[in-house]
């Protein structure tokens, strides 16, 4: 990644204010799966889009009949939802209590 790419997405230092800018839930769709993201929860970032694009094919190619996933810092939970749509079970974790409710 060059300097321009790393500077293209600035994250504010006041995360709580940044997360609470939205005052109502927002629907987001990724890889055919929709989730409602509560105010106070980060939207899926670039890395989530990349992981989502590879998660379905990876799970379909899995030799396990019941693949399982561990989604740490799950935020909106969309990666877990995508995994579930492909037959996986698992656990999603986040330090943000609002994200856990999401």
N, C-alpha and C. Protein backbone atom coordinates (compact mmCIF):
# COMPACT_ATOMS: atom_id res chain seq x y z
N UNK A 1 0.83 -1.17 0.00
CA UNK A 1 0.00 0.00 0.00
C UNK A 1 0.88 1.24 0.00
N UNK A 2 0.54 2.18 -0.85
CA UNK A 2 1.34 3.40 -0.86
C UNK A 2 0.78 4.41 0.14
N UNK A 3 1.48 5.52 0.32
CA UNK A 3 1.11 6.52 1.32
C UNK A 3 -0.28 7.09 1.05
N UNK A 4 -0.62 7.26 -0.22
CA UNK A 4 -1.94 7.82 -0.55
C UNK A 4 -3.06 6.89 -0.10
N UNK A 5 -2.88 5.58 -0.29
CA UNK A 5 -3.89 4.62 0.12
C UNK A 5 -4.06 4.59 1.63
N UNK A 6 -2.97 4.65 2.36
CA UNK A 6 -3.07 4.59 3.82
C UNK A 6 -3.66 5.86 4.40
N UNK A 7 -3.54 6.97 3.71
CA UNK A 7 -4.10 8.22 4.20
C UNK A 7 -5.52 8.46 3.72
N UNK A 8 -6.04 7.60 2.82
CA UNK A 8 -7.35 7.85 2.25
C UNK A 8 -8.48 7.63 3.24
N UNK A 9 -8.24 6.89 4.30
CA UNK A 9 -9.28 6.62 5.28
C UNK A 9 -8.82 7.04 6.66
N UNK A 10 -9.11 8.27 7.00
CA UNK A 10 -8.74 8.76 8.33
C UNK A 10 -9.81 8.37 9.33
N UNK A 11 -9.39 7.84 10.45
CA UNK A 11 -10.31 7.50 11.53
C UNK A 11 -10.14 8.55 12.60
N UNK A 12 -11.24 9.19 12.99
CA UNK A 12 -11.15 10.23 14.01
C UNK A 12 -10.63 9.70 15.33
N UNK A 13 -9.99 10.56 16.09
CA UNK A 13 -9.48 10.15 17.39
C UNK A 13 -10.59 10.04 18.42
N UNK A 14 -11.69 10.75 18.24
CA UNK A 14 -12.82 10.64 19.15
C UNK A 14 -13.78 9.59 18.58
N UNK A 15 -13.47 8.32 18.85
CA UNK A 15 -14.23 7.21 18.28
C UNK A 15 -15.69 7.22 18.69
N UNK A 16 -15.98 7.55 19.93
CA UNK A 16 -17.36 7.54 20.40
C UNK A 16 -18.20 8.53 19.61
N UNK A 17 -17.69 9.73 19.42
CA UNK A 17 -18.42 10.73 18.62
C UNK A 17 -18.58 10.25 17.19
N UNK A 18 -17.53 9.66 16.64
CA UNK A 18 -17.58 9.14 15.27
C UNK A 18 -18.65 8.06 15.14
N UNK A 19 -18.67 7.14 16.09
CA UNK A 19 -19.63 6.04 16.03
C UNK A 19 -21.06 6.51 16.24
N UNK A 20 -21.24 7.56 17.00
CA UNK A 20 -22.58 8.03 17.32
C UNK A 20 -23.10 9.11 16.37
N UNK A 21 -22.40 9.36 15.27
CA UNK A 21 -22.88 10.33 14.29
C UNK A 21 -24.23 9.90 13.71
N UNK A 22 -24.36 8.60 13.49
CA UNK A 22 -25.64 8.08 13.00
C UNK A 22 -26.60 8.00 14.18
N UNK A 23 -27.83 8.38 13.96
CA UNK A 23 -28.81 8.35 15.04
C UNK A 23 -29.88 7.29 14.82
N UNK A 24 -29.84 6.62 13.67
CA UNK A 24 -30.80 5.54 13.41
C UNK A 24 -30.06 4.37 12.75
N UNK A 25 -30.63 3.18 12.85
CA UNK A 25 -29.98 2.02 12.23
C UNK A 25 -29.82 2.21 10.72
N UNK A 26 -28.84 1.53 10.17
CA UNK A 26 -28.55 1.64 8.74
C UNK A 26 -28.44 0.23 8.16
N UNK A 27 -29.09 -0.02 7.03
CA UNK A 27 -29.00 -1.32 6.38
C UNK A 27 -27.77 -1.35 5.48
N UNK A 28 -27.01 -2.44 5.58
CA UNK A 28 -25.82 -2.63 4.74
C UNK A 28 -25.91 -4.03 4.13
N UNK A 29 -25.55 -4.12 2.86
CA UNK A 29 -25.54 -5.41 2.18
C UNK A 29 -24.13 -5.70 1.69
N UNK A 30 -23.72 -6.94 1.90
CA UNK A 30 -22.38 -7.37 1.49
C UNK A 30 -22.47 -8.83 1.08
N UNK A 31 -22.04 -9.14 -0.12
CA UNK A 31 -22.06 -10.52 -0.63
C UNK A 31 -23.45 -11.15 -0.49
N UNK A 32 -24.48 -10.36 -0.77
CA UNK A 32 -25.85 -10.88 -0.75
C UNK A 32 -26.48 -11.03 0.61
N UNK A 33 -25.79 -10.61 1.66
CA UNK A 33 -26.32 -10.69 3.02
C UNK A 33 -26.55 -9.28 3.53
N UNK A 34 -27.72 -9.06 4.11
CA UNK A 34 -28.06 -7.74 4.64
C UNK A 34 -28.05 -7.78 6.17
N UNK A 35 -27.54 -6.73 6.76
CA UNK A 35 -27.60 -6.56 8.21
C UNK A 35 -27.98 -5.12 8.51
N UNK A 36 -28.60 -4.94 9.65
CA UNK A 36 -28.92 -3.61 10.13
C UNK A 36 -27.84 -3.23 11.13
N UNK A 37 -27.20 -2.10 10.92
CA UNK A 37 -26.12 -1.67 11.81
C UNK A 37 -26.64 -0.57 12.72
N UNK A 38 -26.54 -0.82 14.01
CA UNK A 38 -27.01 0.14 15.00
C UNK A 38 -26.08 1.34 15.06
N UNK A 39 -26.61 2.50 15.47
CA UNK A 39 -25.72 3.63 15.76
C UNK A 39 -24.73 3.20 16.84
N UNK A 40 -23.49 3.63 16.71
CA UNK A 40 -22.47 3.25 17.67
C UNK A 40 -21.66 2.03 17.25
N UNK A 41 -21.97 1.49 16.06
CA UNK A 41 -21.25 0.32 15.55
C UNK A 41 -20.61 0.68 14.22
N UNK A 42 -19.34 0.32 14.05
CA UNK A 42 -18.64 0.61 12.80
C UNK A 42 -19.29 -0.11 11.63
N UNK A 43 -19.35 0.57 10.50
CA UNK A 43 -19.75 -0.05 9.23
C UNK A 43 -18.60 -0.96 8.78
N UNK A 44 -18.91 -1.99 7.98
CA UNK A 44 -17.83 -2.83 7.46
C UNK A 44 -16.80 -1.99 6.70
N UNK A 45 -15.54 -2.19 7.01
CA UNK A 45 -14.45 -1.45 6.38
C UNK A 45 -13.93 -2.24 5.17
N UNK A 46 -12.93 -1.70 4.51
CA UNK A 46 -12.36 -2.31 3.32
C UNK A 46 -11.94 -3.75 3.56
N UNK A 47 -11.33 -4.02 4.72
CA UNK A 47 -10.88 -5.38 4.98
C UNK A 47 -12.05 -6.35 5.09
N UNK A 48 -13.20 -5.89 5.60
CA UNK A 48 -14.38 -6.76 5.69
C UNK A 48 -14.88 -7.11 4.29
N UNK A 49 -14.82 -6.16 3.37
CA UNK A 49 -15.25 -6.43 1.99
C UNK A 49 -14.34 -7.48 1.36
N UNK A 50 -13.05 -7.38 1.61
CA UNK A 50 -12.10 -8.36 1.07
C UNK A 50 -12.34 -9.74 1.68
N UNK A 51 -12.49 -9.80 3.00
CA UNK A 51 -12.75 -11.08 3.66
C UNK A 51 -14.06 -11.69 3.19
N UNK A 52 -15.09 -10.86 3.06
CA UNK A 52 -16.40 -11.34 2.63
C UNK A 52 -16.34 -11.97 1.24
N UNK A 53 -15.58 -11.37 0.35
CA UNK A 53 -15.47 -11.88 -1.01
C UNK A 53 -14.85 -13.27 -1.04
N UNK A 54 -14.02 -13.61 -0.05
CA UNK A 54 -13.33 -14.89 -0.03
C UNK A 54 -13.94 -15.90 0.95
N UNK A 55 -14.77 -15.42 1.86
CA UNK A 55 -15.31 -16.29 2.90
C UNK A 55 -16.24 -17.36 2.34
N UNK A 56 -17.18 -16.97 1.51
CA UNK A 56 -18.13 -17.93 0.92
C UNK A 56 -17.42 -19.02 0.12
N UNK A 57 -16.56 -18.65 -0.84
CA UNK A 57 -15.84 -19.69 -1.59
C UNK A 57 -14.98 -20.58 -0.69
N UNK A 58 -14.37 -20.01 0.33
CA UNK A 58 -13.55 -20.80 1.26
C UNK A 58 -14.41 -21.83 1.99
N UNK A 59 -15.57 -21.39 2.50
CA UNK A 59 -16.43 -22.31 3.24
C UNK A 59 -17.02 -23.38 2.33
N UNK A 60 -17.37 -23.01 1.10
CA UNK A 60 -17.90 -23.99 0.16
C UNK A 60 -16.84 -25.05 -0.18
N UNK A 61 -15.58 -24.67 -0.21
CA UNK A 61 -14.50 -25.60 -0.53
C UNK A 61 -14.06 -26.42 0.68
N UNK A 62 -14.55 -26.06 1.85
CA UNK A 62 -14.17 -26.76 3.07
C UNK A 62 -14.62 -28.22 3.03
N UNK A 63 -13.77 -29.10 3.51
CA UNK A 63 -14.12 -30.52 3.56
C UNK A 63 -15.01 -30.83 4.75
N UNK A 64 -15.12 -29.90 5.67
CA UNK A 64 -15.96 -30.09 6.85
C UNK A 64 -17.43 -29.94 6.46
N UNK A 65 -18.26 -30.85 6.95
CA UNK A 65 -19.70 -30.74 6.68
C UNK A 65 -20.33 -29.63 7.49
N UNK A 66 -19.70 -29.27 8.59
CA UNK A 66 -20.21 -28.21 9.45
C UNK A 66 -19.05 -27.29 9.84
N UNK A 67 -18.62 -26.43 8.91
CA UNK A 67 -17.50 -25.54 9.25
C UNK A 67 -17.88 -24.59 10.38
N UNK A 68 -16.89 -24.17 11.16
CA UNK A 68 -17.16 -23.21 12.22
C UNK A 68 -16.19 -22.04 12.08
N UNK A 69 -16.64 -20.89 12.55
CA UNK A 69 -15.84 -19.67 12.46
C UNK A 69 -15.78 -18.98 13.82
N UNK A 70 -14.72 -18.23 14.02
CA UNK A 70 -14.58 -17.36 15.17
C UNK A 70 -14.36 -15.96 14.61
N UNK A 71 -15.33 -15.09 14.83
CA UNK A 71 -15.30 -13.72 14.29
C UNK A 71 -14.98 -12.77 15.44
N UNK A 72 -13.71 -12.40 15.56
CA UNK A 72 -13.32 -11.47 16.62
C UNK A 72 -13.43 -10.05 16.09
N UNK A 73 -13.68 -9.13 16.97
CA UNK A 73 -13.96 -7.73 16.61
C UNK A 73 -15.00 -7.69 15.50
N UNK A 74 -16.11 -8.36 15.74
CA UNK A 74 -17.12 -8.59 14.70
C UNK A 74 -17.90 -7.35 14.28
N UNK A 75 -17.95 -6.33 15.12
CA UNK A 75 -18.66 -5.10 14.72
C UNK A 75 -20.11 -5.40 14.38
N UNK A 76 -20.49 -5.17 13.14
CA UNK A 76 -21.87 -5.38 12.70
C UNK A 76 -22.25 -6.85 12.66
N UNK A 77 -21.28 -7.74 12.64
CA UNK A 77 -21.55 -9.17 12.57
C UNK A 77 -21.79 -9.68 11.17
N UNK A 78 -21.53 -8.83 10.17
CA UNK A 78 -21.85 -9.23 8.81
C UNK A 78 -21.02 -10.42 8.33
N UNK A 79 -19.76 -10.53 8.77
CA UNK A 79 -18.96 -11.68 8.34
C UNK A 79 -19.52 -12.97 8.95
N UNK A 80 -19.99 -12.91 10.17
CA UNK A 80 -20.62 -14.08 10.77
C UNK A 80 -21.91 -14.43 10.04
N UNK A 81 -22.66 -13.43 9.65
CA UNK A 81 -23.91 -13.66 8.90
C UNK A 81 -23.62 -14.29 7.55
N UNK A 82 -22.56 -13.84 6.89
CA UNK A 82 -22.16 -14.44 5.60
C UNK A 82 -21.75 -15.89 5.82
N UNK A 83 -20.98 -16.15 6.87
CA UNK A 83 -20.56 -17.52 7.17
C UNK A 83 -21.79 -18.40 7.44
N UNK A 84 -22.75 -17.89 8.20
CA UNK A 84 -23.97 -18.65 8.49
C UNK A 84 -24.76 -18.93 7.21
N UNK A 85 -24.77 -17.98 6.29
CA UNK A 85 -25.47 -18.17 5.02
C UNK A 85 -24.85 -19.30 4.20
N UNK A 86 -23.60 -19.63 4.50
CA UNK A 86 -22.90 -20.71 3.82
C UNK A 86 -22.83 -21.97 4.69
N UNK A 87 -23.67 -22.04 5.72
CA UNK A 87 -23.79 -23.24 6.52
C UNK A 87 -22.85 -23.36 7.70
N UNK A 88 -22.09 -22.34 7.98
CA UNK A 88 -21.15 -22.40 9.10
C UNK A 88 -21.83 -22.02 10.41
N UNK A 89 -21.27 -22.51 11.48
CA UNK A 89 -21.67 -22.09 12.83
C UNK A 89 -20.47 -21.39 13.44
N UNK A 90 -20.69 -20.69 14.53
CA UNK A 90 -19.55 -20.04 15.14
C UNK A 90 -19.90 -19.08 16.23
N UNK A 91 -18.90 -18.29 16.58
CA UNK A 91 -19.01 -17.31 17.65
C UNK A 91 -18.51 -15.97 17.11
N UNK A 92 -19.25 -14.91 17.43
CA UNK A 92 -18.83 -13.55 17.09
C UNK A 92 -18.61 -12.79 18.39
N UNK A 93 -17.48 -12.09 18.49
CA UNK A 93 -17.10 -11.36 19.69
C UNK A 93 -16.79 -9.91 19.36
N UNK A 94 -17.12 -9.02 20.28
CA UNK A 94 -16.73 -7.62 20.13
C UNK A 94 -16.68 -7.00 21.52
N UNK A 95 -15.78 -6.03 21.69
CA UNK A 95 -15.66 -5.33 22.97
C UNK A 95 -16.74 -4.28 23.15
N UNK A 96 -17.33 -3.84 22.05
CA UNK A 96 -18.36 -2.80 22.06
C UNK A 96 -19.71 -3.45 22.39
N UNK A 97 -20.34 -3.13 23.53
CA UNK A 97 -21.61 -3.75 23.89
C UNK A 97 -22.72 -3.50 22.86
N UNK A 98 -22.69 -2.37 22.19
CA UNK A 98 -23.69 -2.09 21.15
C UNK A 98 -23.50 -3.03 19.98
N UNK A 99 -22.26 -3.33 19.62
CA UNK A 99 -21.98 -4.27 18.54
C UNK A 99 -22.45 -5.68 18.92
N UNK A 100 -22.30 -6.05 20.18
CA UNK A 100 -22.75 -7.36 20.63
C UNK A 100 -24.27 -7.46 20.48
N UNK A 101 -24.98 -6.39 20.82
CA UNK A 101 -26.45 -6.38 20.65
C UNK A 101 -26.83 -6.42 19.19
N UNK A 102 -26.00 -5.83 18.33
CA UNK A 102 -26.27 -5.75 16.90
C UNK A 102 -26.39 -7.15 16.33
